[in-house]
PDB file of N, CA and C in Angstrom:
ATOM      1  N   MET A   1      -0.800 -74.177 -13.843  1.00  0.00           N
ATOM      2  CA  MET A   1      -0.621 -73.026 -14.696  1.00  0.00           C
ATOM      3  C   MET A   1       0.194 -71.992 -13.923  1.00  0.00           C
ATOM      4  N   LYS A   2       1.281 -71.547 -14.521  1.00  0.00           N
ATOM      5  CA  LYS A   2       2.137 -70.554 -13.878  1.00  0.00           C
ATOM      6  C   LYS A   2       1.579 -69.156 -14.089  1.00  0.00           C
ATOM      7  N   LYS A   3       1.904 -68.281 -13.150  1.00  0.00           N
ATOM      8  CA  LYS A   3       1.494 -66.885 -13.288  1.00  0.00           C
ATOM      9  C   LYS A   3       2.588 -66.125 -14.023  1.00  0.00           C
ATOM     10  N   GLU A   4       2.156 -65.129 -14.771  1.00  0.00           N
ATOM     11  CA  GLU A   4       3.085 -64.309 -15.534  1.00  0.00           C
ATOM     12  C   GLU A   4       2.748 -62.846 -15.282  1.00  0.00           C
ATOM     13  N   LYS A   5       3.781 -62.030 -15.174  1.00  0.00           N
ATOM     14  CA  LYS A   5       3.580 -60.597 -14.964  1.00  0.00           C
ATOM     15  C   LYS A   5       3.132 -59.959 -16.272  1.00  0.00           C
ATOM     16  N   VAL A   6       2.070 -59.174 -16.181  1.00  0.00           N
ATOM     17  CA  VAL A   6       1.471 -58.548 -17.350  1.00  0.00           C
ATOM     18  C   VAL A   6       1.370 -57.045 -17.118  1.00  0.00           C
ATOM     19  N   ARG A   7       1.875 -56.292 -18.073  1.00  0.00           N
ATOM     20  CA  ARG A   7       1.744 -54.840 -18.001  1.00  0.00           C
ATOM     21  C   ARG A   7       0.358 -54.476 -18.531  1.00  0.00           C
ATOM     22  N   CYS A   8      -0.401 -53.745 -17.723  1.00  0.00           N
ATOM     23  CA  CYS A   8      -1.761 -53.392 -18.120  1.00  0.00           C
ATOM     24  C   CYS A   8      -2.136 -52.054 -17.502  1.00  0.00           C
ATOM     25  N   TRP A   9      -3.327 -51.616 -17.826  1.00  0.00           N
ATOM     26  CA  TRP A   9      -3.868 -50.374 -17.312  1.00  0.00           C
ATOM     27  C   TRP A   9      -5.228 -50.658 -16.705  1.00  0.00           C
ATOM     28  N   LYS A  10      -5.573 -49.914 -15.664  1.00  0.00           N
ATOM     29  CA  LYS A  10      -6.890 -50.049 -15.056  1.00  0.00           C
ATOM     30  C   LYS A  10      -7.867 -49.172 -15.836  1.00  0.00           C
ATOM     31  N   VAL A  11      -9.006 -49.763 -16.195  1.00  0.00           N
ATOM     32  CA  VAL A  11     -10.024 -49.045 -16.958  1.00  0.00           C
ATOM     33  C   VAL A  11     -11.398 -49.323 -16.351  1.00  0.00           C
ATOM     34  N   GLY A  12     -12.412 -48.758 -16.933  1.00  0.00           N
ATOM     35  CA  GLY A  12     -13.765 -48.930 -16.427  1.00  0.00           C
ATOM     36  C   GLY A  12     -14.144 -47.728 -15.589  1.00  0.00           C
ATOM     37  N   MET A  13     -15.388 -47.659 -15.220  1.00  0.00           N
ATOM     38  CA  MET A  13     -15.879 -46.486 -14.487  1.00  0.00           C
ATOM     39  C   MET A  13     -15.157 -46.289 -13.170  1.00  0.00           C
ATOM     40  N   ASN A  14     -14.803 -47.381 -12.495  1.00  0.00           N
ATOM     41  CA  ASN A  14     -14.126 -47.284 -11.199  1.00  0.00           C
ATOM     42  C   ASN A  14     -12.726 -47.893 -11.234  1.00  0.00           C
ATOM     43  N   GLY A  15     -12.174 -48.078 -12.419  1.00  0.00           N
ATOM     44  CA  GLY A  15     -10.852 -48.683 -12.527  1.00  0.00           C
ATOM     45  C   GLY A  15     -10.843 -50.133 -12.100  1.00  0.00           C
ATOM     46  N   GLU A  16     -11.979 -50.824 -12.309  1.00  0.00           N
ATOM     47  CA  GLU A  16     -12.109 -52.195 -11.833  1.00  0.00           C
ATOM     48  C   GLU A  16     -11.705 -53.241 -12.862  1.00  0.00           C
ATOM     49  N   LEU A  17     -11.416 -52.815 -14.086  1.00  0.00           N
ATOM     50  CA  LEU A  17     -11.022 -53.738 -15.152  1.00  0.00           C
ATOM     51  C   LEU A  17      -9.572 -53.497 -15.536  1.00  0.00           C
ATOM     52  N   PHE A  18      -8.964 -54.487 -16.149  1.00  0.00           N
ATOM     53  CA  PHE A  18      -7.601 -54.356 -16.656  1.00  0.00           C
ATOM     54  C   PHE A  18      -7.633 -54.482 -18.168  1.00  0.00           C
ATOM     55  N   ILE A  19      -6.723 -53.761 -18.838  1.00  0.00           N
ATOM     56  CA  ILE A  19      -6.649 -53.848 -20.288  1.00  0.00           C
ATOM     57  C   ILE A  19      -5.182 -53.878 -20.703  1.00  0.00           C
ATOM     58  N   THR A  20      -4.901 -54.603 -21.763  1.00  0.00           N
ATOM     59  CA  THR A  20      -3.550 -54.655 -22.306  1.00  0.00           C
ATOM     60  C   THR A  20      -3.578 -54.162 -23.744  1.00  0.00           C
ATOM     61  N   TYR A  21      -2.427 -53.775 -24.239  1.00  0.00           N
ATOM     62  CA  TYR A  21      -2.281 -53.351 -25.624  1.00  0.00           C
ATOM     63  C   TYR A  21      -1.047 -54.040 -26.199  1.00  0.00           C
ATOM     64  N   PRO A  22      -1.191 -55.317 -26.613  1.00  0.00           N
ATOM     65  CA  PRO A  22      -0.038 -56.007 -27.194  1.00  0.00           C
ATOM     66  C   PRO A  22       0.398 -55.322 -28.477  1.00  0.00           C
ATOM     67  N   GLU A  23       1.698 -55.387 -28.753  1.00  0.00           N
ATOM     68  CA  GLU A  23       2.244 -54.770 -29.956  1.00  0.00           C
ATOM     69  C   GLU A  23       2.850 -55.847 -30.831  1.00  0.00           C
ATOM     70  N   GLY A  24       2.286 -56.042 -32.007  1.00  0.00           N
ATOM     71  CA  GLY A  24       2.812 -57.040 -32.933  1.00  0.00           C
ATOM     72  C   GLY A  24       2.805 -58.415 -32.303  1.00  0.00           C
ATOM     73  N   ASP A  25       3.981 -59.019 -32.215  1.00  0.00           N
ATOM     74  CA  ASP A  25       4.126 -60.355 -31.648  1.00  0.00           C
ATOM     75  C   ASP A  25       4.597 -60.311 -30.197  1.00  0.00           C
ATOM     76  N   MET A  26       4.412 -59.200 -29.533  1.00  0.00           N
ATOM     77  CA  MET A  26       4.901 -59.027 -28.162  1.00  0.00           C
ATOM     78  C   MET A  26       3.744 -58.674 -27.227  1.00  0.00           C
ATOM     79  N   GLY A  27       3.929 -58.966 -25.970  1.00  0.00           N
ATOM     80  CA  GLY A  27       2.955 -58.578 -24.964  1.00  0.00           C
ATOM     81  C   GLY A  27       1.954 -59.674 -24.649  1.00  0.00           C
ATOM     82  N   HIS A  28       0.845 -59.271 -24.081  1.00  0.00           N
ATOM     83  CA  HIS A  28      -0.186 -60.206 -23.623  1.00  0.00           C
ATOM     84  C   HIS A  28      -1.569 -59.739 -24.046  1.00  0.00           C
ATOM     85  N   ARG A  29      -2.436 -60.705 -24.250  1.00  0.00           N
ATOM     86  CA  ARG A  29      -3.871 -60.473 -24.365  1.00  0.00           C
ATOM     87  C   ARG A  29      -4.477 -61.083 -23.104  1.00  0.00           C
ATOM     88  N   LEU A  30      -5.647 -60.618 -22.750  1.00  0.00           N
ATOM     89  CA  LEU A  30      -6.328 -61.187 -21.592  1.00  0.00           C
ATOM     90  C   LEU A  30      -7.618 -61.854 -22.056  1.00  0.00           C
ATOM     91  N   ILE A  31      -7.912 -63.004 -21.448  1.00  0.00           N
ATOM     92  CA  ILE A  31      -9.171 -63.699 -21.673  1.00  0.00           C
ATOM     93  C   ILE A  31      -9.758 -63.999 -20.301  1.00  0.00           C
ATOM     94  N   CYS A  32     -11.047 -64.304 -20.269  1.00  0.00           N
ATOM     95  CA  CYS A  32     -11.630 -64.711 -18.993  1.00  0.00           C
ATOM     96  C   CYS A  32     -12.475 -65.955 -19.190  1.00  0.00           C
ATOM     97  N   CYS A  33     -12.604 -66.704 -18.137  1.00  0.00           N
ATOM     98  CA  CYS A  33     -13.429 -67.902 -18.117  1.00  0.00           C
ATOM     99  C   CYS A  33     -14.892 -67.479 -18.193  1.00  0.00           C
ATOM    100  N   GLY A  34     -15.649 -68.101 -19.069  1.00  0.00           N
ATOM    101  CA  GLY A  34     -17.059 -67.782 -19.210  1.00  0.00           C
ATOM    102  C   GLY A  34     -17.909 -68.312 -18.073  1.00  0.00           C
ATOM    103  N   ASN A  35     -17.339 -69.172 -17.262  1.00  0.00           N
ATOM    104  CA  ASN A  35     -18.062 -69.734 -16.127  1.00  0.00           C
ATOM    105  C   ASN A  35     -17.909 -68.873 -14.875  1.00  0.00           C
ATOM    106  N   CYS A  36     -16.659 -68.578 -14.494  1.00  0.00           N
ATOM    107  CA  CYS A  36     -16.425 -67.866 -13.238  1.00  0.00           C
ATOM    108  C   CYS A  36     -15.840 -66.466 -13.409  1.00  0.00           C
ATOM    109  N   GLY A  37     -15.358 -66.126 -14.616  1.00  0.00           N
ATOM    110  CA  GLY A  37     -14.805 -64.798 -14.857  1.00  0.00           C
ATOM    111  C   GLY A  37     -13.331 -64.650 -14.557  1.00  0.00           C
ATOM    112  N   GLU A  38     -12.656 -65.719 -14.133  1.00  0.00           N
ATOM    113  CA  GLU A  38     -11.221 -65.648 -13.828  1.00  0.00           C
ATOM    114  C   GLU A  38     -10.447 -65.152 -15.049  1.00  0.00           C
ATOM    115  N   ILE A  39      -9.555 -64.204 -14.834  1.00  0.00           N
ATOM    116  CA  ILE A  39      -8.758 -63.624 -15.916  1.00  0.00           C
ATOM    117  C   ILE A  39      -7.504 -64.458 -16.117  1.00  0.00           C
ATOM    118  N   HIS A  40      -7.206 -64.755 -17.371  1.00  0.00           N
ATOM    119  CA  HIS A  40      -5.998 -65.486 -17.757  1.00  0.00           C
ATOM    120  C   HIS A  40      -5.250 -64.675 -18.807  1.00  0.00           C
ATOM    121  N   ALA A  41      -3.930 -64.767 -18.780  1.00  0.00           N
ATOM    122  CA  ALA A  41      -3.099 -64.083 -19.764  1.00  0.00           C
ATOM    123  C   ALA A  41      -2.779 -65.022 -20.924  1.00  0.00           C
ATOM    124  N   VAL A  42      -2.657 -64.438 -22.100  1.00  0.00           N
ATOM    125  CA  VAL A  42      -2.204 -65.159 -23.288  1.00  0.00           C
ATOM    126  C   VAL A  42      -0.945 -64.446 -23.753  1.00  0.00           C
ATOM    127  N   ASN A  43       0.200 -65.095 -23.596  1.00  0.00           N
ATOM    128  CA  ASN A  43       1.462 -64.535 -24.051  1.00  0.00           C
ATOM    129  C   ASN A  43       1.466 -64.619 -25.576  1.00  0.00           C
ATOM    130  N   VAL A  44       1.459 -63.477 -26.241  1.00  0.00           N
ATOM    131  CA  VAL A  44       1.326 -63.420 -27.694  1.00  0.00           C
ATOM    132  C   VAL A  44       2.492 -64.128 -28.390  1.00  0.00           C
ATOM    133  N   THR A  45       3.703 -63.995 -27.885  1.00  0.00           N
ATOM    134  CA  THR A  45       4.861 -64.661 -28.481  1.00  0.00           C
ATOM    135  C   THR A  45       4.731 -66.170 -28.376  1.00  0.00           C
ATOM    136  N   LYS A  46       4.354 -66.667 -27.193  1.00  0.00           N
ATOM    137  CA  LYS A  46       4.176 -68.112 -27.021  1.00  0.00           C
ATOM    138  C   LYS A  46       3.059 -68.628 -27.917  1.00  0.00           C
ATOM    139  N   GLN A  47       1.984 -67.867 -28.033  1.00  0.00           N
ATOM    140  CA  GLN A  47       0.880 -68.291 -28.891  1.00  0.00           C
ATOM    141  C   GLN A  47       1.354 -68.444 -30.328  1.00  0.00           C
ATOM    142  N   LEU A  48       2.130 -67.492 -30.801  1.00  0.00           N
ATOM    143  CA  LEU A  48       2.628 -67.520 -32.172  1.00  0.00           C
ATOM    144  C   LEU A  48       3.450 -68.772 -32.440  1.00  0.00           C
ATOM    145  N   TYR A  49       4.311 -69.161 -31.494  1.00  0.00           N
ATOM    146  CA  TYR A  49       5.226 -70.278 -31.713  1.00  0.00           C
ATOM    147  C   TYR A  49       4.694 -71.627 -31.239  1.00  0.00           C
ATOM    148  N   ILE A  50       3.779 -71.636 -30.284  1.00  0.00           N
ATOM    149  CA  ILE A  50       3.279 -72.913 -29.750  1.00  0.00           C
ATOM    150  C   ILE A  50       1.992 -73.342 -30.444  1.00  0.00           C
ATOM    151  N   GLU A  51       1.000 -72.466 -30.483  1.00  0.00           N
ATOM    152  CA  GLU A  51      -0.297 -72.830 -31.082  1.00  0.00           C
ATOM    153  C   GLU A  51      -1.040 -71.553 -31.459  1.00  0.00           C
ATOM    154  N   PRO A  52      -0.893 -71.115 -32.717  1.00  0.00           N
ATOM    155  CA  PRO A  52      -1.560 -69.870 -33.137  1.00  0.00           C
ATOM    156  C   PRO A  52      -3.082 -69.898 -32.980  1.00  0.00           C
ATOM    157  N   ASP A  53      -3.706 -71.074 -33.072  1.00  0.00           N
ATOM    158  CA  ASP A  53      -5.154 -71.184 -32.906  1.00  0.00           C
ATOM    159  C   ASP A  53      -5.463 -71.319 -31.419  1.00  0.00           C
ATOM    160  N   LEU A  54      -5.851 -70.210 -30.798  1.00  0.00           N
ATOM    161  CA  LEU A  54      -6.060 -70.196 -29.345  1.00  0.00           C
ATOM    162  C   LEU A  54      -7.134 -71.191 -28.916  1.00  0.00           C
ATOM    163  N   GLU A  55      -8.227 -71.267 -29.647  1.00  0.00           N
ATOM    164  CA  GLU A  55      -9.307 -72.202 -29.295  1.00  0.00           C
ATOM    165  C   GLU A  55      -8.784 -73.644 -29.279  1.00  0.00           C
ATOM    166  N   GLU A  56      -7.947 -73.970 -30.245  1.00  0.00           N
ATOM    167  CA  GLU A  56      -7.350 -75.316 -30.305  1.00  0.00           C
ATOM    168  C   GLU A  56      -6.515 -75.580 -29.058  1.00  0.00           C
ATOM    169  N   HIS A  57      -5.683 -74.623 -28.687  1.00  0.00           N
ATOM    170  CA  HIS A  57      -4.832 -74.787 -27.506  1.00  0.00           C
ATOM    171  C   HIS A  57      -5.676 -74.941 -26.239  1.00  0.00           C
ATOM    172  N   LEU A  58      -6.751 -74.183 -26.139  1.00  0.00           N
ATOM    173  CA  LEU A  58      -7.560 -74.196 -24.923  1.00  0.00           C
ATOM    174  C   LEU A  58      -8.350 -75.489 -24.747  1.00  0.00           C
ATOM    175  N   ARG A  59      -8.305 -76.379 -25.709  1.00  0.00           N
ATOM    176  CA  ARG A  59      -8.966 -77.680 -25.574  1.00  0.00           C
ATOM    177  C   ARG A  59      -8.327 -78.534 -24.480  1.00  0.00           C
ATOM    178  N   SER A  60      -7.130 -78.147 -24.064  1.00  0.00           N
ATOM    179  CA  SER A  60      -6.463 -78.918 -23.018  1.00  0.00           C
ATOM    180  C   SER A  60      -6.109 -78.050 -21.805  1.00  0.00           C
ATOM    181  N   VAL A  61      -6.750 -76.888 -21.675  1.00  0.00           N
ATOM    182  CA  VAL A  61      -6.434 -75.968 -20.577  1.00  0.00           C
ATOM    183  C   VAL A  61      -7.680 -75.761 -19.715  1.00  0.00           C
ATOM    184  N   MET A  62      -7.500 -75.946 -18.423  1.00  0.00           N
ATOM    185  CA  MET A  62      -8.581 -75.760 -17.462  1.00  0.00           C
ATOM    186  C   MET A  62      -8.456 -74.383 -16.805  1.00  0.00           C
ATOM    187  N   CYS A  63      -9.573 -73.800 -16.433  1.00  0.00           N
ATOM    188  CA  CYS A  63      -9.577 -72.543 -15.703  1.00  0.00           C
ATOM    189  C   CYS A  63      -8.838 -72.737 -14.386  1.00  0.00           C
ATOM    190  N   SER A  64      -7.987 -71.791 -14.050  1.00  0.00           N
ATOM    191  CA  SER A  64      -7.196 -71.907 -12.822  1.00  0.00           C
ATOM    192  C   SER A  64      -8.040 -71.718 -11.560  1.00  0.00           C
ATOM    193  N   LYS A  65      -9.246 -71.189 -11.693  1.00  0.00           N
ATOM    194  CA  LYS A  65     -10.087 -70.969 -10.512  1.00  0.00           C
ATOM    195  C   LYS A  65     -11.170 -72.043 -10.360  1.00  0.00           C
ATOM    196  N   CYS A  66     -11.990 -72.244 -11.409  1.00  0.00           N
ATOM    197  CA  CYS A  66     -13.128 -73.161 -11.264  1.00  0.00           C
ATOM    198  C   CYS A  66     -12.870 -74.549 -11.836  1.00  0.00           C
ATOM    199  N   GLY A  67     -11.788 -74.717 -12.596  1.00  0.00           N
ATOM    200  CA  GLY A  67     -11.428 -76.030 -13.117  1.00  0.00           C
ATOM    201  C   GLY A  67     -12.153 -76.463 -14.374  1.00  0.00           C
ATOM    202  N   ARG A  68     -13.015 -75.611 -14.928  1.00  0.00           N
ATOM    203  CA  ARG A  68     -13.705 -75.966 -16.170  1.00  0.00           C
ATOM    204  C   ARG A  68     -12.779 -75.793 -17.361  1.00  0.00           C
ATOM    205  N   LEU A  69     -12.980 -76.612 -18.363  1.00  0.00           N
ATOM    206  CA  LEU A  69     -12.218 -76.519 -19.597  1.00  0.00           C
ATOM    207  C   LEU A  69     -12.487 -75.163 -20.236  1.00  0.00           C
ATOM    208  N   LEU A  70     -11.432 -74.491 -20.712  1.00  0.00           N
ATOM    209  CA  LEU A  70     -11.605 -73.164 -21.294  1.00  0.00           C
ATOM    210  C   LEU A  70     -12.089 -73.205 -22.743  1.00  0.00           C
ATOM    211  N   ALA A  71     -11.836 -74.285 -23.466  1.00  0.00           N
ATOM    212  CA  ALA A  71     -12.272 -74.370 -24.861  1.00  0.00           C
ATOM    213  C   ALA A  71     -13.784 -74.173 -24.939  1.00  0.00           C
ATOM    214  N   GLY A  72     -14.213 -73.238 -25.779  1.00  0.00           N
ATOM    215  CA  GLY A  72     -15.631 -72.952 -25.920  1.00  0.00           C
ATOM    216  C   GLY A  72     -16.234 -72.248 -24.725  1.00  0.00           C
ATOM    217  N   ASN A  73     -15.400 -71.873 -23.765  1.00  0.00           N
ATOM    218  CA  ASN A  73     -15.876 -71.301 -22.506  1.00  0.00           C
ATOM    219  C   ASN A  73     -15.013 -70.107 -22.102  1.00  0.00           C
ATOM    220  N   TRP A  74     -14.599 -69.311 -23.076  1.00  0.00           N
ATOM    221  CA  TRP A  74     -13.768 -68.152 -22.772  1.00  0.00           C
ATOM    222  C   TRP A  74     -14.228 -66.966 -23.604  1.00  0.00           C
ATOM    223  N   MET A  75     -13.806 -65.768 -23.153  1.00  0.00           N
ATOM    224  CA  MET A  75     -14.142 -64.525 -23.840  1.00  0.00           C
ATOM    225  C   MET A  75     -12.923 -63.615 -23.781  1.00  0.00           C
ATOM    226  N   TYR A  76     -12.765 -62.762 -24.798  1.00  0.00           N
ATOM    227  CA  TYR A  76     -11.713 -61.748 -24.712  1.00  0.00           C
ATOM    228  C   TYR A  76     -12.103 -60.759 -23.624  1.00  0.00           C
ATOM    229  N   TYR A  77     -11.144 -60.484 -22.759  1.00  0.00           N
ATOM    230  CA  TYR A  77     -11.335 -59.597 -21.616  1.00  0.00           C
ATOM    231  C   TYR A  77     -10.571 -58.302 -21.892  1.00  0.00           C
ATOM    232  N   PRO A  78     -11.026 -57.141 -21.534  1.00  0.00           N
ATOM    233  CA  PRO A  78     -12.232 -56.805 -20.799  1.00  0.00           C
ATOM    234  C   PRO A  78     -13.443 -56.545 -21.692  1.00  0.00           C
ATOM    235  N   GLU A  79     -13.287 -56.771 -23.013  1.00  0.00           N
ATOM    236  CA  GLU A  79     -14.426 -56.541 -23.907  1.00  0.00           C
ATOM    237  C   GLU A  79     -15.674 -57.285 -23.422  1.00  0.00           C
ATOM    238  N   HIS A  80     -15.443 -58.469 -22.834  1.00  0.00           N
ATOM    239  CA  HIS A  80     -16.499 -59.229 -22.166  1.00  0.00           C
ATOM    240  C   HIS A  80     -15.936 -59.668 -20.821  1.00  0.00           C
ATOM    241  N   HIS A  81     -16.717 -59.531 -19.795  1.00  0.00           N
ATOM    242  CA  HIS A  81     -16.283 -59.943 -18.461  1.00  0.00           C
ATOM    243  C   HIS A  81     -17.508 -60.282 -17.627  1.00  0.00           C
ATOM    244  N   ILE A  82     -17.269 -60.955 -16.535  1.00  0.00           N
ATOM    245  CA  ILE A  82     -18.336 -61.364 -15.627  1.00  0.00           C
ATOM    246  C   ILE A  82     -18.367 -60.390 -14.451  1.00  0.00           C
ATOM    247  N   ASP A  83     -19.529 -59.807 -14.178  1.00  0.00           N
ATOM    248  CA  ASP A  83     -19.622 -58.883 -13.047  1.00  0.00           C
ATOM    249  C   ASP A  83     -19.849 -59.647 -11.740  1.00  0.00           C
ATOM    250  N   ASP A  84     -19.942 -58.925 -10.632  1.00  0.00           N
ATOM    251  CA  ASP A  84     -20.099 -59.562  -9.320  1.00  0.00           C
ATOM    252  C   ASP A  84     -21.383 -60.371  -9.207  1.00  0.00           C
ATOM    253  N   GLY A  85     -22.373 -60.062 -10.031  1.00  0.00           N
ATOM    254  CA  GLY A  85     -23.635 -60.793 -10.008  1.00  0.00           C
ATOM    255  C   GLY A  85     -23.652 -61.993 -10.945  1.00  0.00           C
ATOM    256  N   GLY A  86     -22.515 -62.268 -11.610  1.00  0.00           N
ATOM    257  CA  GLY A  86     -22.417 -63.412 -12.505  1.00  0.00           C
ATOM    258  C   GLY A  86     -22.922 -63.145 -13.916  1.00  0.00           C
ATOM    259  N   ARG A  87     -23.200 -61.880 -14.239  1.00  0.00           N
ATOM    260  CA  ARG A  87     -23.687 -61.522 -15.566  1.00  0.00           C
ATOM    261  C   ARG A  87     -22.534 -61.171 -16.495  1.00  0.00           C
ATOM    262  N   VAL A  88     -22.689 -61.510 -17.775  1.00  0.00           N
ATOM    263  CA  VAL A  88     -21.691 -61.133 -18.776  1.00  0.00           C
ATOM    264  C   VAL A  88     -21.919 -59.673 -19.143  1.00  0.00           C
ATOM    265  N   CYS A  89     -20.871 -58.881 -19.045  1.00  0.00           N
ATOM    266  CA  CYS A  89     -20.931 -57.454 -19.362  1.00  0.00           C
ATOM    267  C   CYS A  89     -19.980 -57.154 -20.509  1.00  0.00           C
ATOM    268  N   LYS A  90     -20.245 -56.055 -21.191  1.00  0.00           N
ATOM    269  CA  LYS A  90     -19.390 -55.642 -22.308  1.00  0.00           C
ATOM    270  C   LYS A  90     -18.692 -54.344 -21.967  1.00  0.00           C
ATOM    271  N   PHE A  91     -17.507 -54.181 -22.519  1.00  0.00           N
ATOM    272  CA  PHE A  91     -16.709 -52.968 -22.353  1.00  0.00           C
ATOM    273  C   PHE A  91     -16.152 -52.611 -23.718  1.00  0.00           C
ATOM    274  N   GLU A  92     -16.270 -51.356 -24.095  1.00  0.00           N
ATOM    275  CA  GLU A  92     -15.744 -50.926 -25.384  1.00  0.00           C
ATOM    276  C   GLU A  92     -14.319 -50.415 -25.214  1.00  0.00           C
ATOM    277  N   ARG A  93     -13.405 -51.091 -25.885  1.00  0.00           N
ATOM    278  CA  ARG A  93     -11.974 -50.781 -25.796  1.00  0.00           C
ATOM    279  C   ARG A  93     -11.660 -49.473 -26.519  1.00  0.00           C
ATOM    280  N   SER A  94     -10.884 -48.625 -25.868  1.00  0.00           N
ATOM    281  CA  SER A  94     -10.344 -47.438 -26.520  1.00  0.00           C
ATOM    282  C   SER A  94      -9.047 -47.848 -27.212  1.00  0.00           C
ATOM    283  N   TYR A  95      -8.873 -47.403 -28.416  1.00  0.00           N
ATOM    284  CA  TYR A  95      -7.649 -47.755 -29.134  1.00  0.00           C
ATOM    285  C   TYR A  95      -6.535 -46.746 -28.903  1.00  0.00           C
ATOM    286  N   LYS A  96      -6.801 -45.755 -28.078  1.00  0.00           N
ATOM    287  CA  LYS A  96      -5.763 -44.813 -27.679  1.00  0.00           C
ATOM    288  C   LYS A  96      -5.035 -45.432 -26.494  1.00  0.00           C
ATOM    289  N   ILE A  97      -3.754 -45.684 -26.653  1.00  0.00           N
ATOM    290  CA  ILE A  97      -2.973 -46.330 -25.598  1.00  0.00           C
ATOM    291  C   ILE A  97      -2.650 -45.312 -24.510  1.00  0.00           C
ATOM    292  N   PRO A  98      -2.971 -45.638 -23.254  1.00  0.00           N
ATOM    293  CA  PRO A  98      -2.661 -44.727 -22.146  1.00  0.00           C
ATOM    294  C   PRO A  98      -1.145 -44.566 -21.980  1.00  0.00           C
ATOM    295  N   ILE A  99      -0.769 -43.549 -21.240  1.00  0.00           N
ATOM    296  CA  ILE A  99       0.662 -43.295 -21.039  1.00  0.00           C
ATOM    297  C   ILE A  99       1.278 -44.380 -20.153  1.00  0.00           C
ATOM    298  N   ASP A 100       2.567 -44.638 -20.378  1.00  0.00           N
ATOM    299  CA  ASP A 100       3.284 -45.676 -19.636  1.00  0.00           C
ATOM    300  C   ASP A 100       3.221 -45.477 -18.125  1.00  0.00           C
ATOM    301  N   ALA A 101       3.284 -44.230 -17.688  1.00  0.00           N
ATOM    302  CA  ALA A 101       3.308 -43.943 -16.253  1.00  0.00           C
ATOM    303  C   ALA A 101       2.050 -44.431 -15.546  1.00  0.00           C
ATOM    304  N   ASP A 102       0.964 -44.600 -16.284  1.00  0.00           N
ATOM    305  CA  ASP A 102      -0.290 -45.058 -15.681  1.00  0.00           C
ATOM    306  C   ASP A 102      -0.427 -46.578 -15.647  1.00  0.00           C
ATOM    307  N   SER A 103       0.560 -47.291 -16.186  1.00  0.00           N
ATOM    308  CA  SER A 103       0.462 -48.752 -16.243  1.00  0.00           C
ATOM    309  C   SER A 103       0.773 -49.385 -14.891  1.00  0.00           C
ATOM    310  N   VAL A 104       0.257 -50.587 -14.713  1.00  0.00           N
ATOM    311  CA  VAL A 104       0.527 -51.390 -13.524  1.00  0.00           C
ATOM    312  C   VAL A 104       0.958 -52.777 -13.996  1.00  0.00           C
ATOM    313  N   VAL A 105       1.638 -53.503 -13.144  1.00  0.00           N
ATOM    314  CA  VAL A 105       2.028 -54.870 -13.454  1.00  0.00           C
ATOM    315  C   VAL A 105       1.235 -55.790 -12.537  1.00  0.00           C
ATOM    316  N   VAL A 106       0.496 -56.717 -13.155  1.00  0.00           N
ATOM    317  CA  VAL A 106      -0.358 -57.634 -12.418  1.00  0.00           C
ATOM    318  C   VAL A 106      -0.013 -59.054 -12.868  1.00  0.00           C
ATOM    319  N   GLU A 107      -0.029 -59.991 -11.951  1.00  0.00           N
ATOM    320  CA  GLU A 107       0.223 -61.397 -12.310  1.00  0.00           C
ATOM    321  C   GLU A 107      -1.088 -62.099 -12.600  1.00  0.00           C
ATOM    322  N   PHE A 108      -1.133 -62.787 -13.753  1.00  0.00           N
ATOM    323  CA  PHE A 108      -2.289 -63.585 -14.150  1.00  0.00           C
ATOM    324  C   PHE A 108      -1.794 -64.970 -14.530  1.00  0.00           C
ATOM    325  N   PRO A 109      -2.637 -66.004 -14.367  1.00  0.00           N
ATOM    326  CA  PRO A 109      -2.279 -67.336 -14.855  1.00  0.00           C
ATOM    327  C   PRO A 109      -2.128 -67.261 -16.376  1.00  0.00           C
ATOM    328  N   GLU A 110      -1.049 -67.848 -16.908  1.00  0.00           N
ATOM    329  CA  GLU A 110      -0.775 -67.751 -18.346  1.00  0.00           C
ATOM    330  C   GLU A 110      -1.063 -69.093 -19.007  1.00  0.00           C
ATOM    331  N   VAL A 111      -1.897 -69.104 -20.041  1.00  0.00           N
ATOM    332  CA  VAL A 111      -2.433 -70.335 -20.614  1.00  0.00           C
ATOM    333  C   VAL A 111      -1.410 -71.176 -21.365  1.00  0.00           C
ATOM    334  N   PHE A 112      -0.256 -70.628 -21.732  1.00  0.00           N
ATOM    335  CA  PHE A 112       0.754 -71.411 -22.440  1.00  0.00           C
ATOM    336  C   PHE A 112       1.877 -71.868 -21.515  1.00  0.00           C
ATOM    337  N   SER A 113       1.755 -71.668 -20.213  1.00  0.00           N
ATOM    338  CA  SER A 113       2.827 -72.085 -19.301  1.00  0.00           C
ATOM    339  C   SER A 113       2.585 -73.479 -18.764  1.00  0.00           C
TER     340      SER A 113
END
């Protein structure tokens, strides 16, 4: 799985989570492995043209960290994420998009590459 640069913002109480705001058919969504919490990017454009049903596509994609199949074993991130103790935690997304100057570019494994 190749890594792809993703524009995102740091959120959470200590800025420990990343969030994206895809626009229409552009940008990225983030998902995480339900087993180990590894964050993966979903290129929205590739999803639209390759396999709109993400669960269907993930039937043949393994987590880049723990090697488990992602189908049935993923969550939208950061709405759900795994903390340092291995517990599933929830985060409520703000729909107010932060300013561009606060964004960072981070590389994540991309599930359609």
